Amino acid sequence: MARYHDDEWGVPVHDDRCLFEFLILEGAQAGLSWETVLRKRERYREVFDGFDACKIAQYDTRKVRALLADPGIIRNRLKISSTISNAQAFLEVQREFGSFDAYIWQFTDGKMLRQARRGPREVPARTAESDAMSKALKKRGFRFVGSTICYAFMQATGMVNDHLRTCFRWAELS
């Protein structure tokens, strides 16, 4: 967890494949801890073809059965099926906007929202931006994209800097 915090969390991401990976993993986390998801991330990368949305969008029932039998991932039928439908919606967004990056960063006007939180209790579970993102993604057919999941996605991908002011990463990313 410390390495993830120190090296990845909150660093702005503009690579579509990486954005898709975070979107799927944040959805997989629903009801679980992020630590559980991080422990399974490498296996997710293996069985979900490196988070290649083009490949995932084509998964059939045989592939779903194999995924449900894999103990290295979170074996939840709804989360697995949402990964497939989210890949299809993701590809549609790419076609319409040129990239998922161009679409998703519009929710922060293309820049990192810099917070100056003093303690963990000041960090919200959702914001007006994550509410808007959730609503827009759901309208486009994405699933497991509630406002809390969207805010966690925004934090992870550097759309918002929610490191505490006392954290060395806050200054580095600001």
N, C-alpha and C. Protein backbone atom coordinates (compact mmCIF):
# COMPACT_ATOMS: atom_id res chain seq x y z
N MET A 1 0.83 -1.20 0.00
CA MET A 1 0.00 0.00 0.00
C MET A 1 0.87 1.25 0.00
N ALA A 2 1.97 1.23 0.74
CA ALA A 2 2.84 2.40 0.80
C ALA A 2 3.45 2.69 -0.57
N ARG A 3 3.89 1.65 -1.25
CA ARG A 3 4.47 1.84 -2.58
C ARG A 3 3.44 2.39 -3.55
N TYR A 4 2.21 1.87 -3.49
CA TYR A 4 1.15 2.38 -4.35
C TYR A 4 0.91 3.86 -4.05
N HIS A 5 0.81 4.20 -2.77
CA HIS A 5 0.61 5.60 -2.37
C HIS A 5 1.76 6.48 -2.86
N ASP A 6 2.98 6.03 -2.63
CA ASP A 6 4.15 6.85 -2.92
C ASP A 6 4.45 6.99 -4.41
N ASP A 7 4.07 6.00 -5.20
CA ASP A 7 4.45 6.00 -6.62
C ASP A 7 3.31 6.24 -7.60
N GLU A 8 2.08 5.86 -7.23
CA GLU A 8 0.99 5.88 -8.21
C GLU A 8 -0.19 6.77 -7.85
N TRP A 9 -0.67 6.64 -6.62
CA TRP A 9 -1.94 7.28 -6.25
C TRP A 9 -1.86 8.79 -6.41
N GLY A 10 -2.74 9.31 -7.21
CA GLY A 10 -2.81 10.76 -7.38
C GLY A 10 -1.96 11.32 -8.50
N VAL A 11 -1.22 10.47 -9.19
CA VAL A 11 -0.42 10.93 -10.32
C VAL A 11 -1.35 11.04 -11.54
N PRO A 12 -1.37 12.19 -12.20
CA PRO A 12 -2.27 12.35 -13.35
C PRO A 12 -2.02 11.29 -14.44
N VAL A 13 -3.12 10.65 -14.84
CA VAL A 13 -3.08 9.60 -15.86
C VAL A 13 -3.82 10.11 -17.10
N HIS A 14 -3.17 9.96 -18.25
CA HIS A 14 -3.79 10.37 -19.51
C HIS A 14 -3.76 9.26 -20.56
N ASP A 15 -3.29 8.10 -20.17
CA ASP A 15 -3.24 6.94 -21.06
C ASP A 15 -4.57 6.19 -20.98
N ASP A 16 -5.23 6.02 -22.12
CA ASP A 16 -6.55 5.39 -22.13
C ASP A 16 -6.56 4.00 -21.51
N ARG A 17 -5.57 3.18 -21.82
CA ARG A 17 -5.54 1.83 -21.28
C ARG A 17 -5.46 1.88 -19.75
N CYS A 18 -4.63 2.75 -19.24
CA CYS A 18 -4.46 2.87 -17.79
C CYS A 18 -5.73 3.44 -17.15
N LEU A 19 -6.36 4.40 -17.79
CA LEU A 19 -7.62 4.94 -17.27
C LEU A 19 -8.68 3.85 -17.21
N PHE A 20 -8.74 3.01 -18.26
CA PHE A 20 -9.70 1.91 -18.28
C PHE A 20 -9.40 0.93 -17.15
N GLU A 21 -8.13 0.61 -16.95
CA GLU A 21 -7.75 -0.30 -15.87
C GLU A 21 -8.24 0.23 -14.53
N PHE A 22 -7.97 1.50 -14.25
CA PHE A 22 -8.41 2.07 -12.97
C PHE A 22 -9.92 2.07 -12.84
N LEU A 23 -10.63 2.37 -13.92
CA LEU A 23 -12.09 2.38 -13.87
C LEU A 23 -12.62 0.99 -13.51
N ILE A 24 -12.05 -0.04 -14.12
CA ILE A 24 -12.49 -1.41 -13.86
C ILE A 24 -12.11 -1.84 -12.44
N LEU A 25 -10.89 -1.54 -12.03
CA LEU A 25 -10.45 -1.95 -10.69
C LEU A 25 -11.21 -1.21 -9.59
N GLU A 26 -11.50 0.07 -9.81
CA GLU A 26 -12.29 0.79 -8.80
C GLU A 26 -13.69 0.17 -8.68
N GLY A 27 -14.28 -0.23 -9.80
CA GLY A 27 -15.58 -0.90 -9.76
C GLY A 27 -15.49 -2.26 -9.09
N ALA A 28 -14.39 -2.96 -9.32
CA ALA A 28 -14.20 -4.28 -8.69
C ALA A 28 -14.07 -4.15 -7.17
N GLN A 29 -13.61 -2.99 -6.73
CA GLN A 29 -13.41 -2.77 -5.30
C GLN A 29 -14.73 -2.65 -4.55
N ALA A 30 -15.81 -2.31 -5.22
CA ALA A 30 -17.09 -2.05 -4.53
C ALA A 30 -17.36 -3.12 -3.47
N GLY A 31 -17.47 -2.68 -2.23
CA GLY A 31 -17.75 -3.58 -1.11
C GLY A 31 -16.52 -4.26 -0.54
N LEU A 32 -15.37 -3.98 -1.10
CA LEU A 32 -14.12 -4.61 -0.66
C LEU A 32 -13.09 -3.53 -0.34
N SER A 33 -11.92 -3.95 0.07
CA SER A 33 -10.85 -2.99 0.34
C SER A 33 -9.99 -2.81 -0.91
N TRP A 34 -9.38 -1.65 -1.02
CA TRP A 34 -8.47 -1.39 -2.14
C TRP A 34 -7.26 -2.31 -2.05
N GLU A 35 -6.86 -2.65 -0.84
CA GLU A 35 -5.74 -3.58 -0.67
C GLU A 35 -6.03 -4.93 -1.32
N THR A 36 -7.26 -5.41 -1.18
CA THR A 36 -7.65 -6.67 -1.83
C THR A 36 -7.49 -6.57 -3.34
N VAL A 37 -7.93 -5.46 -3.91
CA VAL A 37 -7.84 -5.26 -5.36
C VAL A 37 -6.38 -5.17 -5.79
N LEU A 38 -5.58 -4.42 -5.06
CA LEU A 38 -4.16 -4.29 -5.43
C LEU A 38 -3.45 -5.63 -5.42
N ARG A 39 -3.77 -6.48 -4.45
CA ARG A 39 -3.14 -7.81 -4.40
C ARG A 39 -3.51 -8.65 -5.63
N LYS A 40 -4.65 -8.38 -6.21
CA LYS A 40 -5.12 -9.16 -7.36
C LYS A 40 -4.86 -8.46 -8.70
N ARG A 41 -4.30 -7.27 -8.67
CA ARG A 41 -4.16 -6.47 -9.90
C ARG A 41 -3.36 -7.18 -10.99
N GLU A 42 -2.25 -7.80 -10.64
CA GLU A 42 -1.44 -8.47 -11.68
C GLU A 42 -2.21 -9.58 -12.36
N ARG A 43 -2.97 -10.33 -11.57
CA ARG A 43 -3.79 -11.40 -12.17
C ARG A 43 -4.88 -10.80 -13.05
N TYR A 44 -5.47 -9.71 -12.62
CA TYR A 44 -6.46 -9.01 -13.47
C TYR A 44 -5.83 -8.65 -14.80
N ARG A 45 -4.62 -8.12 -14.77
CA ARG A 45 -3.94 -7.74 -16.01
C ARG A 45 -3.75 -8.93 -16.93
N GLU A 46 -3.43 -10.07 -16.34
CA GLU A 46 -3.22 -11.29 -17.13
C GLU A 46 -4.52 -11.78 -17.76
N VAL A 47 -5.54 -11.97 -16.96
CA VAL A 47 -6.77 -12.60 -17.46
C VAL A 47 -7.66 -11.64 -18.24
N PHE A 48 -7.46 -10.33 -18.06
CA PHE A 48 -8.24 -9.35 -18.82
C PHE A 48 -7.39 -8.72 -19.93
N ASP A 49 -6.48 -9.53 -20.49
CA ASP A 49 -5.71 -9.14 -21.67
C ASP A 49 -5.09 -7.75 -21.55
N GLY A 50 -4.45 -7.48 -20.41
CA GLY A 50 -3.78 -6.20 -20.23
C GLY A 50 -4.74 -5.02 -20.27
N PHE A 51 -5.99 -5.28 -19.95
CA PHE A 51 -7.05 -4.26 -19.98
C PHE A 51 -7.20 -3.66 -21.37
N ASP A 52 -7.07 -4.52 -22.37
CA ASP A 52 -7.31 -4.12 -23.76
C ASP A 52 -8.83 -4.12 -23.97
N ALA A 53 -9.41 -2.94 -24.03
CA ALA A 53 -10.87 -2.82 -24.14
C ALA A 53 -11.41 -3.48 -25.40
N CYS A 54 -10.66 -3.44 -26.49
CA CYS A 54 -11.12 -4.08 -27.74
C CYS A 54 -11.30 -5.58 -27.56
N LYS A 55 -10.37 -6.20 -26.87
CA LYS A 55 -10.46 -7.65 -26.62
C LYS A 55 -11.56 -7.95 -25.62
N ILE A 56 -11.61 -7.19 -24.53
CA ILE A 56 -12.60 -7.44 -23.48
C ILE A 56 -14.02 -7.28 -24.01
N ALA A 57 -14.23 -6.33 -24.88
CA ALA A 57 -15.56 -6.09 -25.44
C ALA A 57 -16.09 -7.29 -26.21
N GLN A 58 -15.20 -8.19 -26.61
CA GLN A 58 -15.58 -9.37 -27.39
C GLN A 58 -15.72 -10.64 -26.56
N TYR A 59 -15.52 -10.56 -25.26
CA TYR A 59 -15.58 -11.75 -24.42
C TYR A 59 -16.94 -12.43 -24.54
N ASP A 60 -16.89 -13.77 -24.58
CA ASP A 60 -18.12 -14.55 -24.69
C ASP A 60 -18.38 -15.32 -23.39
N THR A 61 -19.42 -16.13 -23.39
CA THR A 61 -19.81 -16.85 -22.18
C THR A 61 -18.72 -17.83 -21.72
N ARG A 62 -17.98 -18.40 -22.65
CA ARG A 62 -16.89 -19.31 -22.27
C ARG A 62 -15.82 -18.56 -21.48
N LYS A 63 -15.48 -17.36 -21.94
CA LYS A 63 -14.48 -16.55 -21.23
C LYS A 63 -15.01 -16.13 -19.86
N VAL A 64 -16.27 -15.78 -19.78
CA VAL A 64 -16.87 -15.40 -18.50
C VAL A 64 -16.80 -16.56 -17.52
N ARG A 65 -17.10 -17.78 -17.99
CA ARG A 65 -17.01 -18.97 -17.12
C ARG A 65 -15.59 -19.15 -16.59
N ALA A 66 -14.60 -18.95 -17.48
CA ALA A 66 -13.20 -19.09 -17.06
C ALA A 66 -12.84 -18.03 -16.02
N LEU A 67 -13.32 -16.82 -16.21
CA LEU A 67 -13.05 -15.75 -15.25
C LEU A 67 -13.70 -16.05 -13.90
N LEU A 68 -14.92 -16.55 -13.93
CA LEU A 68 -15.62 -16.87 -12.68
C LEU A 68 -14.93 -18.00 -11.91
N ALA A 69 -14.16 -18.81 -12.61
CA ALA A 69 -13.46 -19.93 -11.97
C ALA A 69 -12.05 -19.55 -11.50
N ASP A 70 -11.61 -18.34 -11.81
CA ASP A 70 -10.24 -17.93 -11.50
C ASP A 70 -10.16 -17.33 -10.09
N PRO A 71 -9.49 -18.02 -9.16
CA PRO A 71 -9.40 -17.51 -7.78
C PRO A 71 -8.49 -16.30 -7.64
N GLY A 72 -7.78 -15.93 -8.70
CA GLY A 72 -6.86 -14.80 -8.64
C GLY A 72 -7.53 -13.45 -8.82
N ILE A 73 -8.83 -13.47 -9.16
CA ILE A 73 -9.57 -12.22 -9.32
C ILE A 73 -10.80 -12.25 -8.42
N ILE A 74 -11.53 -11.16 -8.41
CA ILE A 74 -12.79 -11.11 -7.65
C ILE A 74 -13.85 -11.76 -8.52
N ARG A 75 -14.34 -12.90 -8.07
CA ARG A 75 -15.25 -13.71 -8.89
C ARG A 75 -16.70 -13.34 -8.64
N ASN A 76 -17.06 -12.20 -9.11
CA ASN A 76 -18.41 -11.69 -8.97
C ASN A 76 -18.98 -11.54 -10.39
N ARG A 77 -20.03 -12.29 -10.67
CA ARG A 77 -20.60 -12.30 -12.02
C ARG A 77 -20.98 -10.90 -12.51
N LEU A 78 -21.59 -10.09 -11.64
CA LEU A 78 -21.99 -8.75 -12.05
C LEU A 78 -20.78 -7.86 -12.36
N LYS A 79 -19.74 -7.99 -11.57
CA LYS A 79 -18.54 -7.18 -11.82
C LYS A 79 -17.83 -7.62 -13.09
N ILE A 80 -17.81 -8.90 -13.35
CA ILE A 80 -17.19 -9.40 -14.58
C ILE A 80 -18.00 -8.99 -15.80
N SER A 81 -19.31 -9.14 -15.73
CA SER A 81 -20.13 -8.74 -16.89
C SER A 81 -20.08 -7.23 -17.09
N SER A 82 -19.96 -6.46 -16.01
CA SER A 82 -19.85 -5.02 -16.17
C SER A 82 -18.52 -4.63 -16.82
N THR A 83 -17.49 -5.41 -16.58
CA THR A 83 -16.21 -5.14 -17.23
C THR A 83 -16.36 -5.23 -18.75
N ILE A 84 -17.11 -6.22 -19.19
CA ILE A 84 -17.33 -6.40 -20.63
C ILE A 84 -18.18 -5.27 -21.19
N SER A 85 -19.29 -4.97 -20.55
CA SER A 85 -20.15 -3.89 -21.05
C SER A 85 -19.46 -2.53 -20.91
N ASN A 86 -18.64 -2.35 -19.87
CA ASN A 86 -17.90 -1.11 -19.73
C ASN A 86 -16.85 -0.96 -20.84
N ALA A 87 -16.26 -2.07 -21.25
CA ALA A 87 -15.32 -2.02 -22.37
C ALA A 87 -16.04 -1.56 -23.64
N GLN A 88 -17.23 -2.05 -23.86
CA GLN A 88 -18.00 -1.64 -25.04
C GLN A 88 -18.35 -0.15 -24.97
N ALA A 89 -18.78 0.31 -23.79
CA ALA A 89 -19.10 1.73 -23.62
C ALA A 89 -17.84 2.59 -23.74
N PHE A 90 -16.74 2.10 -23.22
CA PHE A 90 -15.45 2.79 -23.30
C PHE A 90 -15.05 3.01 -24.76
N LEU A 91 -15.19 1.96 -25.57
CA LEU A 91 -14.85 2.07 -27.00
C LEU A 91 -15.74 3.08 -27.71
N GLU A 92 -17.00 3.13 -27.31
CA GLU A 92 -17.92 4.11 -27.89
C GLU A 92 -17.50 5.53 -27.53
N VAL A 93 -17.08 5.74 -26.29
CA VAL A 93 -16.59 7.06 -25.87
C VAL A 93 -15.34 7.43 -26.67
N GLN A 94 -14.45 6.48 -26.85
CA GLN A 94 -13.24 6.75 -27.65
C GLN A 94 -13.61 7.17 -29.07
N ARG A 95 -14.56 6.46 -29.68
CA ARG A 95 -14.99 6.81 -31.04
C ARG A 95 -15.56 8.22 -31.09
N GLU A 96 -16.36 8.56 -30.09
CA GLU A 96 -17.03 9.86 -30.09
C GLU A 96 -16.10 11.03 -29.75
N PHE A 97 -15.19 10.83 -28.80
CA PHE A 97 -14.36 11.93 -28.30
C PHE A 97 -12.90 11.86 -28.75
N GLY A 98 -12.53 10.80 -29.45
CA GLY A 98 -11.14 10.64 -29.88
C GLY A 98 -10.31 9.88 -28.87
N SER A 99 -10.64 10.02 -27.59
CA SER A 99 -9.97 9.26 -26.52
C SER A 99 -10.85 9.32 -25.28
N PHE A 100 -10.68 8.33 -24.43
CA PHE A 100 -11.38 8.35 -23.15
C PHE A 100 -10.81 9.47 -22.29
N ASP A 101 -9.52 9.70 -22.41
CA ASP A 101 -8.85 10.77 -21.68
C ASP A 101 -9.52 12.12 -21.95
N ALA A 102 -9.78 12.43 -23.20
CA ALA A 102 -10.41 13.71 -23.55
C ALA A 102 -11.79 13.82 -22.92
N TYR A 103 -12.50 12.70 -22.85
CA TYR A 103 -13.84 12.69 -22.27
C TYR A 103 -13.80 12.83 -20.75
N ILE A 104 -13.01 12.00 -20.10
CA ILE A 104 -13.10 11.89 -18.64
C ILE A 104 -12.52 13.11 -17.93
N TRP A 105 -11.48 13.71 -18.49
CA TRP A 105 -10.87 14.87 -17.84
C TRP A 105 -11.72 16.13 -17.96
N GLN A 106 -12.77 16.09 -18.78
CA GLN A 106 -13.65 17.27 -18.87
C GLN A 106 -14.35 17.53 -17.53
N PHE A 107 -14.46 16.51 -16.70
CA PHE A 107 -15.15 16.68 -15.42
C PHE A 107 -14.34 17.53 -14.42
N THR A 108 -13.06 17.76 -14.73
CA THR A 108 -12.23 18.66 -13.92
C THR A 108 -11.66 19.77 -14.80
N ASP A 109 -12.32 20.05 -15.90
CA ASP A 109 -11.86 21.07 -16.86
C ASP A 109 -10.44 20.82 -17.33
N GLY A 110 -10.06 19.54 -17.42
CA GLY A 110 -8.76 19.18 -17.96
C GLY A 110 -7.58 19.39 -17.03
N LYS A 111 -7.86 19.68 -15.77
CA LYS A 111 -6.75 19.91 -14.84
C LYS A 111 -7.01 19.22 -13.50
N MET A 112 -5.92 19.02 -12.77
CA MET A 112 -6.03 18.42 -11.44
C MET A 112 -6.68 19.40 -10.47
N LEU A 113 -7.64 18.92 -9.73
CA LEU A 113 -8.23 19.72 -8.66
C LEU A 113 -7.32 19.56 -7.45
N ARG A 114 -6.78 20.65 -6.98
CA ARG A 114 -5.83 20.61 -5.86
C ARG A 114 -6.56 20.94 -4.56
N GLN A 115 -6.54 20.00 -3.66
CA GLN A 115 -7.16 20.19 -2.36
C GLN A 115 -6.05 20.49 -1.34
N ALA A 116 -6.41 20.97 -0.20
CA ALA A 116 -5.44 21.24 0.86
C ALA A 116 -6.01 20.71 2.17
N ARG A 117 -6.27 19.45 2.17
CA ARG A 117 -6.91 18.82 3.32
C ARG A 117 -5.89 18.63 4.46
N ARG A 118 -6.36 18.87 5.67
CA ARG A 118 -5.48 18.75 6.83
C ARG A 118 -5.57 17.40 7.50
N GLY A 119 -6.68 16.71 7.34
CA GLY A 119 -6.84 15.42 7.99
C GLY A 119 -7.76 14.51 7.18
N PRO A 120 -7.72 13.21 7.45
CA PRO A 120 -8.53 12.25 6.70
C PRO A 120 -10.02 12.54 6.75
N ARG A 121 -10.49 13.13 7.83
CA ARG A 121 -11.92 13.41 7.95
C ARG A 121 -12.39 14.48 6.98
N GLU A 122 -11.46 15.25 6.45
CA GLU A 122 -11.82 16.30 5.49
C GLU A 122 -11.97 15.75 4.07
N VAL A 123 -11.51 14.53 3.84
CA VAL A 123 -11.58 13.95 2.49
C VAL A 123 -12.99 13.39 2.27
N PRO A 124 -13.69 13.91 1.28
CA PRO A 124 -15.06 13.44 1.04
C PRO A 124 -15.08 12.09 0.32
N ALA A 125 -16.21 11.44 0.38
CA ALA A 125 -16.40 10.19 -0.37
C ALA A 125 -16.88 10.48 -1.79
N ARG A 126 -17.41 11.67 -2.00
CA ARG A 126 -17.92 12.07 -3.31
C ARG A 126 -17.95 13.59 -3.38
N THR A 127 -18.04 14.11 -4.59
CA THR A 127 -18.09 15.56 -4.80
C THR A 127 -19.08 15.85 -5.93
N ALA A 128 -19.31 17.10 -6.17
CA ALA A 128 -20.18 17.48 -7.30
C ALA A 128 -19.61 16.96 -8.61
N GLU A 129 -18.28 16.98 -8.74
CA GLU A 129 -17.63 16.48 -9.96
C GLU A 129 -17.83 14.97 -10.12
N SER A 130 -17.68 14.24 -9.02
CA SER A 130 -17.86 12.78 -9.12
C SER A 130 -19.33 12.43 -9.34
N ASP A 131 -20.23 13.24 -8.78
CA ASP A 131 -21.66 13.05 -9.05
C ASP A 131 -21.95 13.22 -10.54
N ALA A 132 -21.39 14.27 -11.13
CA ALA A 132 -21.60 14.54 -12.56
C ALA A 132 -20.99 13.44 -13.41
N MET A 133 -19.79 13.00 -13.05
CA MET A 133 -19.12 11.93 -13.79
C MET A 133 -19.95 10.65 -13.73
N SER A 134 -20.40 10.28 -12.55
CA SER A 134 -21.19 9.08 -12.38
C SER A 134 -22.46 9.12 -13.23
N LYS A 135 -23.15 10.22 -13.15
CA LYS A 135 -24.40 10.37 -13.92
C LYS A 135 -24.14 10.25 -15.42
N ALA A 136 -23.07 10.90 -15.89
CA ALA A 136 -22.75 10.88 -17.32
C ALA A 136 -22.32 9.48 -17.78
N LEU A 137 -21.51 8.80 -16.97
CA LEU A 137 -21.06 7.46 -17.33
C LEU A 137 -22.24 6.48 -17.36
N LYS A 138 -23.10 6.58 -16.37
CA LYS A 138 -24.28 5.69 -16.34
C LYS A 138 -25.16 5.92 -17.56
N LYS A 139 -25.31 7.17 -17.95
CA LYS A 139 -26.12 7.50 -19.12
C LYS A 139 -25.54 6.86 -20.39
N ARG A 140 -24.23 6.67 -20.39
CA ARG A 140 -23.55 6.05 -21.54
C ARG A 140 -23.48 4.52 -21.41
N GLY A 141 -24.07 3.96 -20.37
CA GLY A 141 -24.13 2.52 -20.23
C GLY A 141 -23.09 1.89 -19.33
N PHE A 142 -22.25 2.69 -18.70
CA PHE A 142 -21.26 2.14 -17.78
C PHE A 142 -21.97 1.67 -16.51
N ARG A 143 -21.38 0.63 -15.88
CA ARG A 143 -21.90 0.11 -14.62
C ARG A 143 -20.80 0.09 -13.57
N PHE A 144 -21.19 0.00 -12.31
CA PHE A 144 -20.26 0.07 -11.19
C PHE A 144 -19.48 1.38 -11.25
N VAL A 145 -20.22 2.45 -11.47
CA VAL A 145 -19.63 3.78 -11.56
C VAL A 145 -20.44 4.78 -10.72
N GLY A 146 -20.77 4.38 -9.50
CA GLY A 146 -21.45 5.30 -8.60
C GLY A 146 -20.53 6.45 -8.25
N SER A 147 -21.07 7.46 -7.63
CA SER A 147 -20.29 8.66 -7.34
C SER A 147 -19.08 8.38 -6.45
N THR A 148 -19.21 7.50 -5.47
CA THR A 148 -18.08 7.17 -4.60
C THR A 148 -16.98 6.47 -5.39
N ILE A 149 -17.36 5.55 -6.26
CA ILE A 149 -16.38 4.87 -7.12
C ILE A 149 -15.72 5.89 -8.04
N CYS A 150 -16.51 6.79 -8.60
CA CYS A 150 -15.94 7.81 -9.49
C CYS A 150 -14.97 8.71 -8.74
N TYR A 151 -15.28 9.04 -7.49
CA TYR A 151 -14.35 9.89 -6.75
C TYR A 151 -13.05 9.15 -6.45
N ALA A 152 -13.15 7.89 -6.10
CA ALA A 152 -11.93 7.08 -5.89
C ALA A 152 -11.12 7.00 -7.18
N PHE A 153 -11.80 6.86 -8.32
CA PHE A 153 -11.14 6.87 -9.63
C PHE A 153 -10.43 8.21 -9.86
N MET A 154 -11.11 9.30 -9.53
CA MET A 154 -10.52 10.63 -9.71
C MET A 154 -9.28 10.80 -8.83
N GLN A 155 -9.33 10.30 -7.62
CA GLN A 155 -8.17 10.37 -6.72
C GLN A 155 -7.02 9.53 -7.27
N ALA A 156 -7.32 8.31 -7.68
CA ALA A 156 -6.29 7.39 -8.14
C ALA A 156 -5.59 7.90 -9.40
N THR A 157 -6.36 8.52 -10.29
CA THR A 157 -5.81 8.94 -11.59
C THR A 157 -5.35 10.39 -11.61
N GLY A 158 -5.27 11.01 -10.45
CA GLY A 158 -4.72 12.34 -10.36
C GLY A 158 -5.62 13.45 -10.86
N MET A 159 -6.89 13.16 -11.01
CA MET A 159 -7.82 14.22 -11.37
C MET A 159 -8.04 15.14 -10.19
N VAL A 160 -7.78 14.63 -9.01
CA VAL A 160 -7.86 15.42 -7.78
C VAL A 160 -6.67 15.02 -6.91
N ASN A 161 -6.05 16.00 -6.29
CA ASN A 161 -4.95 15.73 -5.36
C ASN A 161 -5.53 15.74 -3.96
N ASP A 162 -5.78 14.56 -3.43
CA ASP A 162 -6.34 14.43 -2.09
C ASP A 162 -5.31 13.94 -1.08
N HIS A 163 -4.03 14.04 -1.43
CA HIS A 163 -3.02 13.79 -0.40
C HIS A 163 -3.18 14.89 0.64
N LEU A 164 -2.99 14.54 1.88
CA LEU A 164 -3.08 15.55 2.93
C LEU A 164 -1.93 16.56 2.77
N ARG A 165 -2.16 17.78 3.23
CA ARG A 165 -1.13 18.82 3.12
C ARG A 165 0.17 18.41 3.79
N THR A 166 0.09 17.59 4.80
CA THR A 166 1.29 17.14 5.52
C THR A 166 2.02 16.01 4.81
N CYS A 167 1.44 15.46 3.78
CA CYS A 167 2.04 14.34 3.03
C CYS A 167 3.03 14.90 2.00
N PHE A 168 4.18 14.28 1.89
CA PHE A 168 5.20 14.73 0.93
C PHE A 168 4.67 14.71 -0.50
N ARG A 169 3.72 13.81 -0.81
CA ARG A 169 3.19 13.71 -2.19
C ARG A 169 2.30 14.90 -2.53
N TRP A 170 1.68 15.53 -1.52
CA TRP A 170 0.81 16.68 -1.81
C TRP A 170 1.61 17.76 -2.52
N ALA A 171 2.75 18.11 -1.97
CA ALA A 171 3.59 19.17 -2.57
C ALA A 171 4.15 18.72 -3.91
N GLU A 172 4.60 17.47 -3.99
CA GLU A 172 5.18 16.97 -5.24
C GLU A 172 4.17 17.03 -6.40
N LEU A 173 2.93 16.70 -6.10
CA LEU A 173 1.91 16.67 -7.16
C LEU A 173 1.25 18.03 -7.38
N SER A 174 1.43 18.93 -6.45
CA SER A 174 0.86 20.28 -6.63
C SER A 174 1.80 21.09 -7.46
